[in-house]
Amino acid sequence: MSERALRTAASGMYAQQINIEVISNNIANINTTGYKKNKADFQDLMYQQVSINPLTSSAPGVEDTSTTKIQIGNGVKPSSTIKLFMQGDITPTNNQFDVAIQGEGFFQVRKNDGSFAYTRDGSFKVSAEGRIVTASGYTLEPGITLSPDISSLSIGKDGTVAANLLDGSVTVLGNIELARFMNNGGLIALGDNLYSESSSSGQPLLGTPGDQGFGEVHQGYLESSNVDIVEEMIAMIAAQRAYEINSKTVKTVEDMMSMANNLKRA
């Protein structure tokens, strides 16, 4: 019985260690543009039925006729981590290449290997070839190329990209599309503020910003991380206390085993 209690307490300590790692990653990314917080989920382990009469259950040759059993669990295990895609605060930057999404949707970008990835980070740049790219150099899809005779750029809430030329004229360069998924929580986080689709997320649905089911885009703004520092601090304190109590359980079981050993010697 004491070994089971030790294993149960150890599983609780390991689970809280994972919880702290998830919380620390959230806090570390509190200033990451478009970051979505993680949440750790846990499940209880299998249960074992134990007789309420320890004398009959342990005595050899004695049949246990008790009908009532006690279920004793074997601890906890981390089951998954999920992304919480709540809207982050929209903050002004006054940079014409910064674009924030207000509502549902992701920017679609093409990586260097030709595959697609998705991001909420709209801090775009201009490459040497005039293409609009992410900070990592991935091209925004559909591709929009700027020419040297552009004085400024205008992006509408519906994703229409218009250029003001040096001669005073205005020309439309293209439209920014957004992608959305049936299950955002099924997306695979790749790092660099990027996500990829999976069988759990479903295939991307492309559409125009502002249409039904899609959010609007706002030029000159960026979406902040949706991490609430107060919530994370509270969660961290709770995880620390849970870890501490589990460690005290280990110490308590150790003391009980020592007392039992002393009784045998006496």
Protein backbone atom coordinates (compact mmCIF):
# COMPACT_ATOMS: atom_id res chain seq x y z
CA MET A 1 0.00 0.00 0.00
CA SER A 2 2.82 2.39 0.86
CA GLU A 3 4.44 1.82 -2.54
CA ARG A 4 1.19 2.79 -4.27
CA ALA A 5 0.99 5.98 -2.22
CA LEU A 6 4.58 6.84 -3.19
CA ARG A 7 3.88 6.26 -6.88
CA THR A 8 0.68 8.30 -6.67
CA ALA A 9 2.48 11.22 -5.05
CA ALA A 10 5.31 10.98 -7.58
CA SER A 11 2.82 11.14 -10.46
CA GLY A 12 1.33 14.27 -8.91
CA MET A 13 4.76 15.89 -8.64
CA TYR A 14 5.54 15.06 -12.27
CA ALA A 15 2.18 16.44 -13.43
CA GLN A 16 2.76 19.73 -11.62
CA GLN A 17 6.25 19.92 -13.09
CA ILE A 18 4.69 19.73 -16.57
CA ASN A 19 2.12 22.32 -15.49
CA ILE A 20 4.85 24.72 -14.37
CA GLU A 21 6.70 24.26 -17.67
CA VAL A 22 3.55 25.19 -19.61
CA ILE A 23 2.91 28.22 -17.39
CA SER A 24 6.53 29.39 -17.67
CA ASN A 25 6.30 29.23 -21.48
CA ASN A 26 3.17 31.38 -21.36
CA ILE A 27 4.88 33.97 -19.17
CA ALA A 28 8.00 33.94 -21.36
CA ASN A 29 5.83 34.80 -24.40
CA ILE A 30 3.82 37.57 -22.79
CA ASN A 31 5.27 40.07 -25.28
CA THR A 32 5.21 37.76 -28.32
CA THR A 33 3.01 39.18 -31.07
CA GLY A 34 -0.07 37.04 -31.71
CA TYR A 35 0.94 34.40 -29.15
CA LYS A 36 -1.85 32.14 -27.87
CA LYS A 37 -1.53 30.71 -24.38
CA ASN A 38 -1.21 27.00 -23.65
CA LYS A 39 -3.18 25.08 -21.05
CA ALA A 40 -2.18 21.68 -19.67
CA ASP A 41 -4.87 19.02 -19.25
CA PHE A 42 -4.60 16.03 -16.92
CA GLN A 43 -6.35 12.68 -16.47
CA ASP A 44 -6.60 10.37 -13.48
CA LEU A 45 -5.01 6.92 -13.79
CA MET A 46 -6.62 3.49 -13.46
CA TYR A 47 -8.39 2.55 -10.23
CA GLN A 48 -7.92 -0.58 -8.17
CA GLN A 49 -10.67 -2.19 -6.12
CA VAL A 50 -9.58 -2.97 -2.57
CA SER A 51 -11.54 -4.89 0.05
CA ILE A 52 -12.73 -2.92 3.06
CA ASN A 53 -11.69 -5.85 5.30
CA PRO A 54 -7.89 -6.05 5.18
CA LEU A 55 -7.80 -9.11 7.46
CA THR A 56 -9.86 -11.40 5.19
CA SER A 57 -8.29 -10.07 2.02
CA SER A 58 -4.75 -10.81 3.22
CA ALA A 59 -5.32 -14.03 5.21
CA PRO A 60 -4.38 -17.17 3.22
CA GLY A 61 -7.21 -19.64 2.67
CA VAL A 62 -9.86 -17.20 3.91
CA GLU A 63 -12.50 -16.28 1.38
CA ASP A 64 -13.37 -12.62 1.14
CA THR A 65 -17.17 -12.45 1.20
CA SER A 66 -17.44 -8.67 1.45
CA THR A 67 -19.55 -7.08 -1.25
CA THR A 68 -18.32 -3.53 -0.79
CA LYS A 69 -15.07 -2.51 -2.42
CA ILE A 70 -13.05 0.65 -2.14
CA GLN A 71 -11.66 2.16 -5.33
CA ILE A 72 -8.18 3.59 -4.91
CA GLY A 73 -6.63 5.59 -7.73
CA ASN A 74 -3.07 5.39 -8.93
CA GLY A 75 -2.41 9.06 -9.52
CA VAL A 76 -2.51 11.47 -12.42
CA LYS A 77 -0.97 11.83 -15.87
CA PRO A 78 -0.60 14.75 -18.28
CA SER A 79 -2.99 14.11 -21.18
CA SER A 80 -2.48 17.05 -23.53
CA THR A 81 -1.81 20.74 -23.93
CA ILE A 82 -4.25 22.90 -25.84
CA LYS A 83 -3.96 26.35 -27.37
CA LEU A 84 -6.55 28.90 -26.27
CA PHE A 85 -7.24 31.10 -29.29
CA MET A 86 -8.86 33.97 -27.45
CA GLN A 87 -8.49 37.40 -29.01
CA GLY A 88 -5.46 39.38 -27.83
CA ASP A 89 -5.44 43.15 -27.38
CA ILE A 90 -5.04 45.21 -30.56
CA THR A 91 -2.29 47.78 -30.08
CA PRO A 92 -1.39 50.63 -32.47
CA THR A 93 2.09 50.74 -34.01
CA ASN A 94 1.64 53.34 -36.80
CA ASN A 95 3.70 51.07 -39.06
CA GLN A 96 2.06 50.65 -42.47
CA PHE A 97 3.30 47.05 -42.75
CA ASP A 98 1.79 45.95 -39.42
CA VAL A 99 -1.59 44.25 -39.75
CA ALA A 100 -3.77 42.85 -36.96
CA ILE A 101 -6.69 40.45 -37.25
CA GLN A 102 -9.78 41.38 -35.26
CA GLY A 103 -11.81 38.18 -35.05
CA GLU A 104 -11.37 34.73 -36.58
CA GLY A 105 -8.69 33.85 -39.08
CA PHE A 106 -4.99 33.43 -39.81
CA PHE A 107 -2.61 34.86 -42.35
CA GLN A 108 -1.42 32.22 -44.79
CA VAL A 109 2.30 32.20 -45.58
CA ARG A 110 4.44 30.07 -47.87
CA LYS A 111 7.59 28.61 -46.34
CA ASN A 112 10.87 28.13 -48.18
CA ASP A 113 10.07 24.47 -48.89
CA GLY A 114 6.80 25.43 -50.59
CA SER A 115 4.52 24.28 -47.76
CA PHE A 116 1.93 26.56 -46.16
CA ALA A 117 1.84 27.77 -42.58
CA TYR A 118 -0.55 30.02 -40.68
CA THR A 119 0.03 32.87 -38.25
CA ARG A 120 -1.68 35.62 -36.29
CA ASP A 121 1.54 37.68 -36.32
CA GLY A 122 1.01 40.51 -38.79
CA SER A 123 4.36 42.28 -38.34
CA PHE A 124 5.25 42.07 -42.03
CA LYS A 125 8.36 43.31 -43.81
CA VAL A 126 9.41 43.92 -47.41
CA SER A 127 12.02 41.64 -48.95
CA ALA A 128 14.76 42.77 -51.35
CA GLU A 129 12.54 41.59 -54.22
CA GLY A 130 9.65 43.77 -52.99
CA ARG A 131 7.53 40.90 -51.65
CA ILE A 132 5.60 41.23 -48.39
CA VAL A 133 7.09 38.65 -46.02
CA THR A 134 7.10 37.70 -42.33
CA ALA A 135 9.99 38.41 -39.99
CA SER A 136 11.35 34.94 -40.88
CA GLY A 137 11.24 35.72 -44.60
CA TYR A 138 8.16 33.63 -45.47
CA THR A 139 5.98 35.07 -48.24
CA LEU A 140 2.47 36.26 -47.45
CA GLU A 141 -0.11 34.46 -49.59
CA PRO A 142 -1.48 35.44 -52.01
CA GLY A 143 1.78 37.08 -53.00
CA ILE A 144 1.89 40.86 -53.20
CA THR A 145 4.91 42.57 -54.77
CA LEU A 146 5.75 46.25 -54.30
CA SER A 147 7.48 48.39 -56.91
CA PRO A 148 10.08 51.13 -56.24
CA ASP A 149 7.67 53.92 -57.29
CA ILE A 150 5.35 53.35 -54.29
CA SER A 151 5.26 56.11 -51.71
CA SER A 152 2.92 54.45 -49.21
CA LEU A 153 0.66 51.44 -48.77
CA SER A 154 -3.00 51.29 -47.77
CA ILE A 155 -4.70 48.11 -46.52
CA GLY A 156 -8.47 48.09 -46.09
CA LYS A 157 -10.41 46.15 -43.50
CA ASP A 158 -11.46 43.76 -46.26
CA GLY A 159 -7.81 43.03 -47.10
CA THR A 160 -7.61 45.20 -50.23
CA VAL A 161 -4.00 46.36 -50.70
CA ALA A 162 -3.66 49.67 -52.56
CA ALA A 163 -0.46 51.56 -53.33
CA ASN A 164 -0.05 55.31 -53.49
CA LEU A 165 2.47 56.01 -56.27
CA LEU A 166 4.98 58.84 -56.43
CA ASP A 167 3.03 60.47 -59.26
CA GLY A 168 -0.05 60.74 -57.01
CA SER A 169 -2.05 57.91 -58.56
CA VAL A 170 -3.42 54.89 -56.68
CA THR A 171 -3.29 51.28 -57.86
CA VAL A 172 -4.68 48.11 -56.32
CA LEU A 173 -2.00 45.44 -55.85
CA GLY A 174 -4.14 42.58 -54.59
CA ASN A 175 -6.10 41.26 -51.64
CA ILE A 176 -5.02 39.66 -48.40
CA GLU A 177 -6.94 36.47 -47.66
CA LEU A 178 -7.52 34.84 -44.31
CA ALA A 179 -7.70 31.17 -43.44
CA ARG A 180 -9.81 29.63 -40.71
CA PHE A 181 -10.22 26.11 -39.37
CA MET A 182 -13.03 24.05 -37.92
CA ASN A 183 -10.88 23.33 -34.87
CA ASN A 184 -8.17 25.86 -34.08
CA GLY A 185 -7.07 23.76 -31.12
CA GLY A 186 -6.00 21.01 -33.51
CA LEU A 187 -3.35 23.18 -35.19
CA ILE A 188 0.29 22.16 -34.68
CA ALA A 189 2.52 24.91 -33.25
CA LEU A 190 5.76 25.12 -35.27
CA GLY A 191 7.47 27.97 -33.46
CA ASP A 192 8.23 31.34 -35.09
CA ASN A 193 4.56 32.24 -34.43
CA LEU A 194 3.53 29.68 -37.06
CA TYR A 195 0.99 26.85 -37.11
CA SER A 196 0.39 24.02 -39.53
CA GLU A 197 -2.81 22.16 -40.26
CA SER A 198 -3.44 18.64 -39.00
CA SER A 199 -6.12 16.00 -39.26
CA SER A 200 -7.58 17.40 -36.02
CA SER A 201 -7.77 21.00 -37.25
CA GLY A 202 -9.26 20.17 -40.63
CA GLN A 203 -8.32 21.79 -43.91
CA PRO A 204 -8.10 25.59 -44.13
CA LEU A 205 -11.06 27.56 -45.42
CA LEU A 206 -9.92 30.67 -47.29
CA GLY A 207 -12.00 33.82 -47.44
CA THR A 208 -12.08 37.60 -47.57
CA PRO A 209 -11.57 39.52 -44.31
CA GLY A 210 -14.88 40.80 -42.98
CA ASP A 211 -16.96 38.10 -44.66
CA GLN A 212 -19.10 35.78 -42.56
CA GLY A 213 -16.88 33.74 -40.27
CA PHE A 214 -13.76 35.82 -40.92
CA GLY A 215 -12.35 38.69 -38.92
CA GLU A 216 -11.30 42.10 -40.22
CA VAL A 217 -7.73 43.25 -40.75
CA HIS A 218 -6.49 46.56 -39.36
CA GLN A 219 -3.44 48.30 -40.78
CA GLY A 220 -1.05 49.96 -38.35
CA TYR A 221 -1.95 47.60 -35.49
CA LEU A 222 -0.63 44.35 -34.02
CA GLU A 223 -2.35 41.74 -31.89
CA SER A 224 -0.70 41.28 -28.51
CA SER A 225 -0.27 37.98 -26.68
CA ASN A 226 -3.46 36.78 -24.98
CA VAL A 227 -1.54 35.79 -21.84
CA ASP A 228 -2.97 37.32 -18.65
CA ILE A 229 -0.03 37.69 -16.26
CA VAL A 230 -2.30 37.71 -13.19
CA GLU A 231 -3.95 34.42 -14.20
CA GLU A 232 -0.57 32.84 -14.89
CA MET A 233 0.81 33.95 -11.52
CA ILE A 234 -2.20 32.47 -9.73
CA ALA A 235 -1.86 29.22 -11.70
CA MET A 236 1.85 29.09 -10.89
CA ILE A 237 1.23 29.52 -7.15
CA ALA A 238 -1.45 26.81 -7.23
CA ALA A 239 0.89 24.43 -9.09
CA GLN A 240 3.70 25.15 -6.62
CA ARG A 241 1.45 24.40 -3.64
CA ALA A 242 0.20 21.20 -5.26
CA TYR A 243 3.80 20.09 -5.87
CA GLU A 244 4.68 20.91 -2.27
CA ILE A 245 1.74 18.92 -0.88
CA ASN A 246 2.65 15.91 -3.04
CA SER A 247 6.21 16.07 -1.75
CA LYS A 248 4.87 16.14 1.82
CA THR A 249 2.84 13.04 0.97
CA VAL A 250 6.09 11.28 0.09
CA LYS A 251 7.60 12.37 3.42
CA THR A 252 4.49 11.20 5.32
CA VAL A 253 4.58 7.76 3.68
CA GLU A 254 8.28 7.50 4.49
CA ASP A 255 7.58 8.30 8.16
CA MET A 256 4.80 5.68 8.28
CA MET A 257 7.11 3.05 6.79
CA SER A 258 9.79 3.92 9.36
CA MET A 259 7.30 3.58 12.20
CA ALA A 260 6.15 0.19 10.88
CA ASN A 261 9.75 -1.02 10.65
CA ASN A 262 10.40 0.14 14.22
CA LEU A 263 7.33 -1.82 15.45
CA LYS A 264 8.68 -5.00 13.86
CA ARG A 265 12.04 -4.55 15.55
CA ALA A 266 10.33 -3.89 18.88
